[in-house]
N, C-alpha and C. Protein backbone atom coordinates (compact mmCIF):
# COMPACT_ATOMS: atom_id res chain seq x y z
N MET A 1 177.86 126.55 29.04
CA MET A 1 177.80 125.32 28.27
C MET A 1 176.92 124.28 28.98
N LYS A 2 177.16 124.07 30.29
CA LYS A 2 176.37 123.10 31.04
C LYS A 2 174.90 123.51 31.07
N THR A 3 174.66 124.80 31.22
CA THR A 3 173.29 125.30 31.26
C THR A 3 172.59 125.05 29.94
N SER A 4 173.29 125.24 28.83
CA SER A 4 172.70 125.00 27.51
C SER A 4 172.36 123.53 27.32
N ILE A 5 173.25 122.66 27.75
CA ILE A 5 173.00 121.22 27.61
C ILE A 5 171.82 120.80 28.48
N LEU A 6 171.77 121.31 29.72
CA LEU A 6 170.66 120.98 30.60
C LEU A 6 169.33 121.51 30.05
N THR A 7 169.35 122.70 29.46
CA THR A 7 168.14 123.28 28.88
C THR A 7 167.66 122.43 27.70
N LEU A 8 168.58 122.01 26.83
CA LEU A 8 168.22 121.16 25.70
C LEU A 8 167.67 119.81 26.17
N LEU A 9 168.32 119.24 27.18
CA LEU A 9 167.86 117.97 27.73
C LEU A 9 166.46 118.10 28.32
N PHE A 10 166.21 119.17 29.06
CA PHE A 10 164.89 119.41 29.64
C PHE A 10 163.83 119.55 28.54
N CYS A 11 164.13 120.31 27.50
CA CYS A 11 163.19 120.50 26.39
C CYS A 11 162.89 119.17 25.69
N PHE A 12 163.93 118.37 25.49
CA PHE A 12 163.75 117.06 24.85
C PHE A 12 162.85 116.17 25.69
N LEU A 13 163.11 116.08 26.99
CA LEU A 13 162.30 115.25 27.87
C LEU A 13 160.86 115.75 27.96
N ALA A 14 160.69 117.05 28.02
CA ALA A 14 159.33 117.63 28.10
C ALA A 14 158.54 117.32 26.84
N SER A 15 159.17 117.44 25.66
CA SER A 15 158.46 117.16 24.41
C SER A 15 158.10 115.69 24.29
N ASN A 16 159.00 114.79 24.74
CA ASN A 16 158.68 113.36 24.70
C ASN A 16 157.56 113.01 25.65
N THR A 17 157.53 113.65 26.82
CA THR A 17 156.45 113.41 27.78
C THR A 17 155.12 113.85 27.21
N LEU A 18 155.09 115.00 26.55
CA LEU A 18 153.85 115.49 25.94
C LEU A 18 153.39 114.57 24.82
N GLN A 19 154.34 114.07 23.99
CA GLN A 19 153.97 113.15 22.92
C GLN A 19 153.40 111.87 23.50
N ALA A 20 154.01 111.35 24.56
CA ALA A 20 153.51 110.13 25.19
C ALA A 20 152.12 110.35 25.76
N GLN A 21 151.90 111.51 26.37
CA GLN A 21 150.59 111.82 26.94
C GLN A 21 149.56 111.96 25.82
N ASN A 22 149.95 112.60 24.71
CA ASN A 22 149.03 112.73 23.58
C ASN A 22 148.64 111.36 23.03
N TRP A 23 149.61 110.44 22.95
CA TRP A 23 149.31 109.09 22.48
C TRP A 23 148.29 108.44 23.41
N ASP A 24 148.49 108.57 24.69
CA ASP A 24 147.61 107.99 25.69
C ASP A 24 146.18 108.52 25.54
N VAL A 25 146.06 109.84 25.43
CA VAL A 25 144.74 110.48 25.32
C VAL A 25 144.10 110.15 23.98
N ASN A 26 144.87 110.22 22.89
CA ASN A 26 144.33 109.93 21.56
C ASN A 26 143.84 108.49 21.45
N THR A 27 144.62 107.57 21.96
CA THR A 27 144.23 106.16 21.91
C THR A 27 142.98 105.92 22.77
N ALA A 28 142.95 106.50 23.96
CA ALA A 28 141.77 106.36 24.82
C ALA A 28 140.54 106.93 24.15
N SER A 29 140.69 108.05 23.48
CA SER A 29 139.57 108.69 22.78
C SER A 29 139.05 107.82 21.64
N GLN A 30 139.95 107.21 20.88
CA GLN A 30 139.53 106.34 19.77
C GLN A 30 138.82 105.09 20.28
N ILE A 31 139.38 104.44 21.30
CA ILE A 31 138.77 103.22 21.83
C ILE A 31 137.43 103.53 22.49
N ASN A 32 137.31 104.70 23.09
CA ASN A 32 136.07 105.12 23.74
C ASN A 32 134.92 105.25 22.72
N ARG A 33 135.25 105.50 21.45
CA ARG A 33 134.23 105.67 20.40
C ARG A 33 133.73 104.34 19.84
N TRP A 34 134.42 103.23 20.14
CA TRP A 34 133.97 101.93 19.62
C TRP A 34 132.61 101.59 20.21
N HIS A 35 131.72 101.06 19.39
CA HIS A 35 130.36 100.73 19.82
C HIS A 35 130.32 99.30 20.37
N MET A 36 130.89 99.13 21.54
CA MET A 36 130.89 97.83 22.22
C MET A 36 130.60 98.02 23.71
N HIS A 37 129.78 99.02 24.01
CA HIS A 37 129.60 99.42 25.40
C HIS A 37 128.87 98.36 26.24
N GLY A 38 127.94 97.61 25.66
CA GLY A 38 127.29 96.54 26.41
C GLY A 38 128.28 95.44 26.79
N LEU A 39 129.10 95.04 25.83
CA LEU A 39 130.14 94.04 26.10
C LEU A 39 131.14 94.59 27.12
N SER A 40 131.47 95.86 27.00
CA SER A 40 132.42 96.48 27.94
C SER A 40 131.90 96.43 29.37
N ARG A 41 130.61 96.71 29.55
CA ARG A 41 130.05 96.65 30.90
C ARG A 41 130.14 95.24 31.48
N GLY A 42 129.81 94.24 30.65
CA GLY A 42 129.89 92.86 31.11
C GLY A 42 131.31 92.44 31.47
N LEU A 43 132.26 92.79 30.62
CA LEU A 43 133.66 92.46 30.88
C LEU A 43 134.16 93.18 32.13
N SER A 44 133.75 94.43 32.28
CA SER A 44 134.17 95.22 33.43
C SER A 44 133.67 94.60 34.74
N TYR A 45 132.40 94.20 34.76
CA TYR A 45 131.85 93.55 35.97
C TYR A 45 132.55 92.23 36.24
N SER A 46 132.86 91.48 35.17
CA SER A 46 133.53 90.20 35.37
C SER A 46 134.94 90.41 35.94
N GLY A 47 135.53 91.59 35.67
CA GLY A 47 136.85 91.91 36.23
C GLY A 47 136.82 92.12 37.73
N LEU A 48 135.63 92.29 38.29
CA LEU A 48 135.47 92.36 39.75
C LEU A 48 135.04 91.01 40.32
N ILE A 49 134.11 90.35 39.64
CA ILE A 49 133.48 89.15 40.18
C ILE A 49 134.40 87.92 40.10
N LEU A 50 134.98 87.68 38.94
CA LEU A 50 135.78 86.45 38.76
C LEU A 50 137.05 86.41 39.62
N PRO A 51 137.82 87.50 39.74
CA PRO A 51 139.02 87.41 40.59
C PRO A 51 138.71 87.10 42.06
N VAL A 52 137.53 87.45 42.52
CA VAL A 52 137.13 87.11 43.88
C VAL A 52 136.44 85.73 43.90
N GLY A 53 135.56 85.51 42.94
CA GLY A 53 134.74 84.30 42.93
C GLY A 53 135.50 83.01 42.66
N VAL A 54 136.44 83.04 41.72
CA VAL A 54 137.14 81.80 41.35
C VAL A 54 137.94 81.23 42.52
N PRO A 55 138.85 82.00 43.16
CA PRO A 55 139.59 81.40 44.27
C PRO A 55 138.70 81.07 45.48
N THR A 56 137.65 81.86 45.68
CA THR A 56 136.72 81.57 46.80
C THR A 56 136.00 80.25 46.56
N ALA A 57 135.48 80.07 45.35
CA ALA A 57 134.78 78.82 45.02
C ALA A 57 135.74 77.63 45.12
N MET A 58 136.96 77.79 44.63
CA MET A 58 137.96 76.72 44.72
C MET A 58 138.25 76.38 46.19
N GLY A 59 138.40 77.41 47.01
CA GLY A 59 138.69 77.20 48.43
C GLY A 59 137.56 76.50 49.16
N ILE A 60 136.33 76.92 48.91
CA ILE A 60 135.17 76.30 49.56
C ILE A 60 135.05 74.83 49.15
N TYR A 61 135.19 74.58 47.85
CA TYR A 61 135.11 73.20 47.35
C TYR A 61 136.23 72.34 47.96
N ALA A 62 137.43 72.91 48.03
CA ALA A 62 138.57 72.17 48.60
C ALA A 62 138.35 71.85 50.07
N LEU A 63 137.77 72.79 50.82
CA LEU A 63 137.48 72.53 52.24
C LEU A 63 136.41 71.46 52.41
N ILE A 64 135.38 71.50 51.57
CA ILE A 64 134.30 70.50 51.66
C ILE A 64 134.85 69.11 51.33
N LYS A 65 135.67 69.04 50.29
CA LYS A 65 136.20 67.74 49.84
C LYS A 65 137.49 67.34 50.57
N LYS A 66 137.97 68.23 51.44
CA LYS A 66 139.24 68.00 52.15
C LYS A 66 140.38 67.72 51.17
N ASP A 67 140.43 68.56 50.14
CA ASP A 67 141.43 68.43 49.06
C ASP A 67 142.53 69.48 49.30
N GLN A 68 143.61 69.05 49.97
CA GLN A 68 144.67 69.99 50.34
C GLN A 68 145.40 70.59 49.13
N PRO A 69 145.73 69.83 48.08
CA PRO A 69 146.37 70.45 46.91
C PRO A 69 145.49 71.54 46.27
N LEU A 70 144.19 71.29 46.16
CA LEU A 70 143.30 72.29 45.59
C LEU A 70 143.22 73.52 46.51
N LEU A 71 143.23 73.30 47.82
CA LEU A 71 143.21 74.42 48.77
C LEU A 71 144.47 75.26 48.62
N LYS A 72 145.62 74.62 48.43
CA LYS A 72 146.87 75.36 48.20
C LYS A 72 146.78 76.19 46.92
N ASP A 73 146.19 75.61 45.87
CA ASP A 73 146.02 76.35 44.61
C ASP A 73 145.10 77.55 44.83
N ALA A 74 144.00 77.34 45.57
CA ALA A 74 143.05 78.44 45.83
C ALA A 74 143.72 79.55 46.62
N ILE A 75 144.55 79.20 47.59
CA ILE A 75 145.24 80.21 48.38
C ILE A 75 146.24 80.97 47.52
N TYR A 76 146.97 80.25 46.67
CA TYR A 76 147.92 80.92 45.76
C TYR A 76 147.21 81.90 44.84
N ILE A 77 146.12 81.46 44.22
CA ILE A 77 145.38 82.33 43.29
C ILE A 77 144.76 83.51 44.03
N GLY A 78 144.14 83.24 45.18
CA GLY A 78 143.50 84.31 45.95
C GLY A 78 144.49 85.34 46.47
N THR A 79 145.63 84.88 46.99
CA THR A 79 146.62 85.84 47.51
C THR A 79 147.28 86.63 46.37
N THR A 80 147.37 86.03 45.19
CA THR A 80 147.89 86.77 44.03
C THR A 80 146.98 87.93 43.70
N VAL A 81 145.68 87.68 43.68
CA VAL A 81 144.71 88.74 43.39
C VAL A 81 144.77 89.83 44.48
N ILE A 82 144.85 89.40 45.74
CA ILE A 82 144.90 90.37 46.85
C ILE A 82 146.14 91.25 46.73
N GLU A 83 147.29 90.64 46.43
CA GLU A 83 148.53 91.43 46.27
C GLU A 83 148.40 92.44 45.14
N ALA A 84 147.88 91.99 44.00
CA ALA A 84 147.77 92.88 42.84
C ALA A 84 146.86 94.07 43.13
N VAL A 85 145.73 93.79 43.76
CA VAL A 85 144.78 94.86 44.07
C VAL A 85 145.37 95.80 45.13
N GLY A 86 146.06 95.25 46.12
CA GLY A 86 146.69 96.09 47.15
C GLY A 86 147.74 97.03 46.57
N ILE A 87 148.61 96.49 45.71
CA ILE A 87 149.65 97.32 45.08
C ILE A 87 149.01 98.39 44.20
N THR A 88 147.99 97.99 43.46
CA THR A 88 147.31 98.93 42.55
C THR A 88 146.70 100.10 43.31
N TYR A 89 145.99 99.78 44.39
CA TYR A 89 145.33 100.87 45.12
C TYR A 89 146.33 101.75 45.86
N GLY A 90 147.43 101.18 46.28
CA GLY A 90 148.50 102.02 46.85
C GLY A 90 149.05 102.99 45.83
N MET A 91 149.26 102.50 44.61
CA MET A 91 149.79 103.36 43.53
C MET A 91 148.76 104.41 43.10
N LYS A 92 147.48 104.03 43.08
CA LYS A 92 146.44 104.98 42.67
C LYS A 92 146.51 106.27 43.48
N TYR A 93 146.60 106.12 44.78
CA TYR A 93 146.58 107.31 45.63
C TYR A 93 147.94 107.99 45.69
N ALA A 94 149.00 107.28 45.34
CA ALA A 94 150.32 107.91 45.26
C ALA A 94 150.41 108.80 44.03
N PHE A 95 149.85 108.34 42.89
CA PHE A 95 149.93 109.11 41.64
C PHE A 95 148.76 110.07 41.48
N ASP A 96 147.58 109.70 41.97
CA ASP A 96 146.39 110.56 41.97
C ASP A 96 146.08 111.15 40.59
N ARG A 97 146.01 110.31 39.59
CA ARG A 97 145.73 110.73 38.21
C ARG A 97 144.22 110.79 37.97
N GLN A 98 143.76 111.87 37.38
CA GLN A 98 142.33 112.02 37.10
C GLN A 98 141.88 111.04 36.03
N ARG A 99 140.63 110.61 36.13
CA ARG A 99 140.05 109.73 35.13
C ARG A 99 139.95 110.46 33.79
N PRO A 100 140.05 109.72 32.66
CA PRO A 100 139.99 110.38 31.35
C PRO A 100 138.70 111.16 31.11
N PHE A 101 137.56 110.61 31.53
CA PHE A 101 136.29 111.31 31.29
C PHE A 101 136.18 112.59 32.12
N VAL A 102 136.96 112.68 33.19
CA VAL A 102 136.97 113.90 34.02
C VAL A 102 137.91 114.93 33.42
N LYS A 103 139.10 114.48 33.04
CA LYS A 103 140.13 115.40 32.53
C LYS A 103 139.83 115.89 31.12
N TYR A 104 139.26 115.02 30.29
CA TYR A 104 138.99 115.37 28.88
C TYR A 104 137.52 115.11 28.54
N PRO A 105 136.58 115.81 29.17
CA PRO A 105 135.15 115.53 28.94
C PRO A 105 134.70 115.82 27.51
N ASP A 106 135.44 116.67 26.80
CA ASP A 106 135.08 116.97 25.41
C ASP A 106 135.51 115.87 24.44
N ARG A 107 136.44 114.99 24.87
CA ARG A 107 136.98 113.95 23.99
C ARG A 107 136.62 112.54 24.42
N ILE A 108 136.47 112.34 25.73
CA ILE A 108 136.24 110.99 26.25
C ILE A 108 134.97 111.01 27.11
N HIS A 109 134.06 110.11 26.79
CA HIS A 109 132.75 110.10 27.46
C HIS A 109 132.63 108.88 28.38
N LEU A 110 132.00 109.08 29.51
CA LEU A 110 131.79 108.02 30.47
C LEU A 110 130.69 107.09 29.99
N VAL A 111 130.97 105.80 30.05
CA VAL A 111 129.97 104.77 29.76
C VAL A 111 129.88 103.92 31.02
N GLY A 112 128.71 103.89 31.63
CA GLY A 112 128.56 103.15 32.89
C GLY A 112 128.55 104.12 34.05
N HIS A 113 128.92 103.62 35.22
CA HIS A 113 128.89 104.48 36.41
C HIS A 113 130.25 105.15 36.63
N ALA A 114 130.20 106.31 37.25
CA ALA A 114 131.42 107.10 37.49
C ALA A 114 132.26 106.44 38.59
N GLU A 115 133.56 106.50 38.40
CA GLU A 115 134.51 105.98 39.38
C GLU A 115 135.04 107.16 40.19
N ASP A 116 135.12 107.02 41.50
CA ASP A 116 135.57 108.11 42.36
C ASP A 116 137.07 108.10 42.61
N ASP A 117 137.68 106.92 42.54
CA ASP A 117 139.10 106.82 42.87
C ASP A 117 139.97 107.24 41.67
N PRO A 118 141.26 107.45 41.89
CA PRO A 118 142.15 107.86 40.79
C PRO A 118 142.28 106.79 39.71
N SER A 119 142.80 107.19 38.57
CA SER A 119 142.83 106.37 37.38
C SER A 119 144.02 105.40 37.29
N PHE A 120 145.18 105.84 37.69
CA PHE A 120 146.42 105.08 37.42
C PHE A 120 146.87 104.28 38.63
N PRO A 121 147.09 102.98 38.48
CA PRO A 121 146.82 102.07 37.37
C PRO A 121 145.43 101.46 37.47
N SER A 122 145.07 100.63 36.50
CA SER A 122 143.74 100.03 36.47
C SER A 122 143.65 98.84 37.42
N GLY A 123 142.79 98.94 38.42
CA GLY A 123 142.61 97.87 39.39
C GLY A 123 141.90 96.66 38.80
N HIS A 124 140.88 96.91 37.94
CA HIS A 124 140.18 95.80 37.29
C HIS A 124 141.17 94.98 36.45
N THR A 125 142.02 95.68 35.71
CA THR A 125 142.98 95.00 34.83
C THR A 125 144.01 94.23 35.66
N ALA A 126 144.49 94.84 36.73
CA ALA A 126 145.46 94.16 37.59
C ALA A 126 144.85 92.89 38.17
N ALA A 127 143.60 92.96 38.64
CA ALA A 127 142.93 91.79 39.20
C ALA A 127 142.73 90.72 38.12
N ALA A 128 142.31 91.14 36.92
CA ALA A 128 142.07 90.19 35.84
C ALA A 128 143.36 89.48 35.43
N PHE A 129 144.43 90.24 35.27
CA PHE A 129 145.70 89.63 34.86
C PHE A 129 146.33 88.80 35.98
N SER A 130 146.10 89.17 37.22
CA SER A 130 146.63 88.35 38.32
C SER A 130 145.90 87.01 38.35
N LEU A 131 144.57 87.04 38.13
CA LEU A 131 143.81 85.79 38.07
C LEU A 131 144.24 84.95 36.87
N ALA A 132 144.32 85.57 35.70
CA ALA A 132 144.70 84.83 34.49
C ALA A 132 146.10 84.23 34.61
N THR A 133 147.03 84.99 35.16
CA THR A 133 148.41 84.51 35.29
C THR A 133 148.50 83.38 36.30
N SER A 134 147.89 83.56 37.46
CA SER A 134 147.98 82.52 38.49
C SER A 134 147.24 81.24 38.06
N LEU A 135 146.13 81.37 37.35
CA LEU A 135 145.45 80.18 36.82
C LEU A 135 146.32 79.47 35.79
N SER A 136 146.97 80.27 34.93
CA SER A 136 147.82 79.69 33.88
C SER A 136 149.06 79.01 34.45
N ILE A 137 149.60 79.55 35.53
CA ILE A 137 150.75 78.92 36.18
C ILE A 137 150.33 77.64 36.91
N THR A 138 149.16 77.69 37.54
CA THR A 138 148.66 76.54 38.30
C THR A 138 148.22 75.41 37.38
N TYR A 139 147.55 75.78 36.30
CA TYR A 139 147.02 74.79 35.34
C TYR A 139 147.53 75.13 33.94
N PRO A 140 148.78 74.78 33.64
CA PRO A 140 149.39 75.21 32.37
C PRO A 140 148.91 74.40 31.16
N LYS A 141 147.65 74.52 30.85
CA LYS A 141 147.03 73.88 29.68
C LYS A 141 146.54 74.98 28.75
N TRP A 142 146.56 74.71 27.46
CA TRP A 142 146.16 75.73 26.50
C TRP A 142 144.73 76.19 26.72
N TYR A 143 143.84 75.28 27.14
CA TYR A 143 142.44 75.63 27.34
C TYR A 143 142.20 76.43 28.62
N VAL A 144 143.23 76.61 29.42
CA VAL A 144 143.18 77.55 30.56
C VAL A 144 143.88 78.84 30.17
N ILE A 145 145.05 78.73 29.59
CA ILE A 145 145.87 79.91 29.28
C ILE A 145 145.20 80.81 28.24
N ALA A 146 144.77 80.25 27.12
CA ALA A 146 144.21 81.07 26.03
C ALA A 146 142.95 81.83 26.45
N PRO A 147 141.92 81.16 26.99
CA PRO A 147 140.72 81.92 27.36
C PRO A 147 140.98 82.95 28.47
N SER A 148 141.82 82.59 29.45
CA SER A 148 142.05 83.53 30.54
C SER A 148 142.83 84.76 30.05
N ALA A 149 143.76 84.56 29.12
CA ALA A 149 144.51 85.69 28.57
C ALA A 149 143.60 86.60 27.73
N VAL A 150 142.75 85.99 26.90
CA VAL A 150 141.81 86.77 26.08
C VAL A 150 140.85 87.54 26.98
N TRP A 151 140.35 86.88 28.03
CA TRP A 151 139.42 87.56 28.96
C TRP A 151 140.10 88.73 29.66
N ALA A 152 141.33 88.53 30.16
CA ALA A 152 142.03 89.60 30.87
C ALA A 152 142.29 90.79 29.94
N CYS A 153 142.69 90.52 28.70
CA CYS A 153 142.87 91.61 27.72
C CYS A 153 141.55 92.32 27.45
N GLY A 154 140.47 91.55 27.39
CA GLY A 154 139.15 92.14 27.18
C GLY A 154 138.74 93.06 28.31
N VAL A 155 139.06 92.68 29.53
CA VAL A 155 138.75 93.54 30.68
C VAL A 155 139.49 94.87 30.56
N GLY A 156 140.77 94.81 30.21
CA GLY A 156 141.56 96.04 30.05
C GLY A 156 141.01 96.92 28.96
N LEU A 157 140.67 96.33 27.82
CA LEU A 157 140.10 97.09 26.70
C LEU A 157 138.76 97.70 27.07
N ALA A 158 137.96 96.94 27.82
CA ALA A 158 136.65 97.43 28.26
C ALA A 158 136.79 98.67 29.13
N ARG A 159 137.79 98.70 29.99
CA ARG A 159 137.98 99.84 30.89
C ARG A 159 138.33 101.11 30.10
N ILE A 160 139.08 100.94 29.01
CA ILE A 160 139.39 102.10 28.16
C ILE A 160 138.13 102.51 27.40
N ASN A 161 137.39 101.53 26.88
CA ASN A 161 136.17 101.81 26.13
C ASN A 161 135.13 102.54 26.97
N GLN A 162 135.11 102.27 28.27
CA GLN A 162 134.15 102.93 29.15
C GLN A 162 134.57 104.35 29.52
N GLY A 163 135.78 104.74 29.15
CA GLY A 163 136.24 106.10 29.42
C GLY A 163 136.80 106.31 30.81
N VAL A 164 137.06 105.21 31.54
CA VAL A 164 137.54 105.36 32.92
C VAL A 164 139.05 105.14 33.07
N HIS A 165 139.71 104.69 31.97
CA HIS A 165 141.15 104.47 32.03
C HIS A 165 141.84 104.85 30.73
N TYR A 166 143.10 105.24 30.85
CA TYR A 166 143.98 105.45 29.71
C TYR A 166 144.66 104.12 29.39
N PRO A 167 145.20 103.95 28.18
CA PRO A 167 145.96 102.73 27.88
C PRO A 167 147.13 102.50 28.83
N SER A 168 147.80 103.57 29.26
CA SER A 168 148.93 103.40 30.19
C SER A 168 148.46 102.87 31.54
N ASP A 169 147.25 103.22 31.97
CA ASP A 169 146.68 102.67 33.21
C ASP A 169 146.51 101.16 33.08
N VAL A 170 145.98 100.75 31.93
CA VAL A 170 145.69 99.34 31.68
C VAL A 170 146.98 98.53 31.53
N LEU A 171 147.95 99.06 30.79
CA LEU A 171 149.22 98.36 30.62
C LEU A 171 149.95 98.18 31.95
N THR A 172 149.91 99.21 32.77
CA THR A 172 150.55 99.11 34.09
C THR A 172 149.80 98.12 34.98
N GLY A 173 148.47 98.16 34.95
CA GLY A 173 147.68 97.19 35.70
C GLY A 173 147.98 95.75 35.28
N ALA A 174 148.11 95.55 33.96
CA ALA A 174 148.44 94.21 33.44
C ALA A 174 149.81 93.76 33.93
N ALA A 175 150.78 94.68 33.90
CA ALA A 175 152.14 94.34 34.37
C ALA A 175 152.13 93.98 35.86
N ILE A 176 151.36 94.71 36.64
CA ILE A 176 151.26 94.41 38.08
C ILE A 176 150.64 93.03 38.28
N GLY A 177 149.56 92.73 37.56
CA GLY A 177 148.90 91.44 37.70
C GLY A 177 149.80 90.28 37.32
N VAL A 178 150.49 90.40 36.20
CA VAL A 178 151.41 89.34 35.76
C VAL A 178 152.57 89.20 36.74
N GLY A 179 153.13 90.33 37.15
CA GLY A 179 154.24 90.31 38.10
C GLY A 179 153.87 89.65 39.41
N CYS A 180 152.68 89.96 39.93
CA CYS A 180 152.23 89.35 41.18
C CYS A 180 152.03 87.84 41.01
N GLY A 181 151.56 87.42 39.83
CA GLY A 181 151.39 86.00 39.58
C GLY A 181 152.70 85.24 39.72
N PHE A 182 153.78 85.81 39.19
CA PHE A 182 155.08 85.14 39.27
C PHE A 182 155.73 85.33 40.64
N LEU A 183 155.62 86.52 41.21
CA LEU A 183 156.20 86.78 42.53
C LEU A 183 155.56 85.91 43.61
N ASN A 184 154.27 85.71 43.48
CA ASN A 184 153.54 84.98 44.51
C ASN A 184 153.86 83.50 44.55
N ILE A 185 154.51 82.98 43.53
CA ILE A 185 154.99 81.59 43.58
C ILE A 185 155.91 81.44 44.78
N TYR A 186 156.83 82.39 44.95
CA TYR A 186 157.80 82.33 46.04
C TYR A 186 157.17 82.67 47.38
N VAL A 187 156.26 83.63 47.39
CA VAL A 187 155.58 84.00 48.63
C VAL A 187 154.77 82.81 49.15
N ASN A 188 154.12 82.09 48.25
CA ASN A 188 153.28 80.97 48.67
C ASN A 188 154.07 79.76 49.11
N LYS A 189 155.32 79.63 48.67
CA LYS A 189 156.15 78.54 49.22
C LYS A 189 156.32 78.74 50.72
N TRP A 190 156.57 79.99 51.12
CA TRP A 190 156.68 80.30 52.54
C TRP A 190 155.33 80.15 53.23
N LEU A 191 154.27 80.65 52.60
CA LEU A 191 152.93 80.61 53.19
C LEU A 191 152.46 79.16 53.38
N ASN A 192 152.75 78.29 52.43
CA ASN A 192 152.37 76.88 52.55
C ASN A 192 153.07 76.21 53.73
N LYS A 193 154.33 76.59 53.97
CA LYS A 193 155.05 76.04 55.13
C LYS A 193 154.38 76.46 56.44
N VAL A 194 153.89 77.70 56.46
CA VAL A 194 153.23 78.21 57.68
C VAL A 194 151.87 77.56 57.87
N LEU A 195 151.08 77.48 56.78
CA LEU A 195 149.71 76.99 56.90
C LEU A 195 149.61 75.46 56.92
N PHE A 196 150.49 74.78 56.18
CA PHE A 196 150.39 73.32 56.05
C PHE A 196 151.70 72.70 56.53
N LYS A 197 151.92 72.68 57.83
CA LYS A 197 153.20 72.21 58.38
C LYS A 197 153.42 70.74 58.10
């Protein structure tokens, strides 16, 4: 009796896992066919440049102007991005998932340059969402929140369109970025005490 129940449970879980994987691959394949590859390349590059550039520019300006509140904001935003990218890259090598264009070359085509590291989760998306979240928490105005959220979603969509990520990679990257934005509020309270006694 126990063996029969365990066998049924195993079959149920295996079929649900296959359906979830099929959804991931099918969705990635459909988005990869959208003709927005030029926009995708631009969004993808911005997912690297802005998460580094924005807090760096804020920090440099704050140091020049001797603006301690702005420097604290720059440190909060910068450390949020660093945390998100660190967690993402740790997970990438723990899960070691092949890129969609490598695993399914007949269904998903590479647009842009090939990525050598594993697919899961999306580092670009994690960095974009960590920047968008920390900016939105620091400056809670609609004209900061709306554009940064649209941009971060665009980065995630671009990564799927380029054939380098599955939707589950992007969703997990987004969750990591948002989570780091909120978690880092508490980390930076401690960090501010250390840096600004």
